[in-house]
Amino acid sequence: MFTKEFMTSGFSNTVIDGRLQFYLVPFAQAGDIYNIDNVALEKIS
């Protein structure tokens, strides 16, 4: 399990259509296959 805490900034209102992006360009090589599943975004306190 991997956990990443982050905080957003630069928004003046609530965002209702936000997106999470996995940026793998610096690590990927030709022929690589990535499987990403069971992702959960949870508010931490």
Protein backbone atom coordinates (compact mmCIF):
# COMPACT_ATOMS: atom_id res chain seq x y z
CA MET A 1 0.00 0.00 0.00
CA PHE A 2 1.26 3.46 -0.88
CA THR A 3 -0.02 6.61 0.79
CA LYS A 4 0.60 10.16 -0.40
CA GLU A 5 -0.66 13.15 1.57
CA PHE A 6 -1.06 16.37 -0.41
CA MET A 7 -2.68 19.77 -0.09
CA THR A 8 -4.16 21.78 -2.93
CA SER A 9 -3.95 25.53 -3.38
CA GLY A 10 -4.90 28.21 -5.87
CA PHE A 11 -8.65 27.58 -5.88
CA SER A 12 -11.11 30.29 -4.89
CA ASN A 13 -14.17 27.97 -4.95
CA THR A 14 -14.98 24.30 -4.40
CA VAL A 15 -13.84 22.12 -7.30
CA ILE A 16 -16.49 19.65 -8.46
CA ASP A 17 -14.74 18.15 -11.48
CA GLY A 18 -11.17 17.60 -10.26
CA ARG A 19 -8.95 14.87 -11.72
CA LEU A 20 -6.09 12.79 -10.36
CA GLN A 21 -3.27 12.12 -12.83
CA PHE A 22 -0.55 9.49 -12.58
CA TYR A 23 2.47 11.00 -14.36
CA LEU A 24 4.74 8.10 -15.32
CA VAL A 25 6.67 9.70 -18.19
CA PRO A 26 10.01 10.00 -16.31
CA PHE A 27 9.91 6.29 -15.39
CA ALA A 28 8.28 4.56 -18.37
CA GLN A 29 10.17 2.72 -21.06
CA ALA A 30 8.92 1.25 -24.32
CA GLY A 31 6.83 -1.84 -23.62
CA ASP A 32 6.17 -1.08 -19.94
CA ILE A 33 2.73 -2.02 -18.66
CA TYR A 34 1.25 -0.39 -15.56
CA ASN A 35 -1.76 -1.71 -13.67
CA ILE A 36 -3.35 0.75 -11.24
CA ASP A 37 -6.43 -0.29 -9.30
CA ASN A 38 -8.22 0.20 -6.01
CA VAL A 39 -7.38 3.90 -5.74
CA ALA A 40 -9.10 5.88 -2.99
CA LEU A 41 -9.00 9.61 -2.25
CA GLU A 42 -9.81 10.31 1.37
CA LYS A 43 -9.92 13.50 3.39
CA ILE A 44 -7.42 13.43 6.23
CA SER A 45 -7.78 15.43 9.39
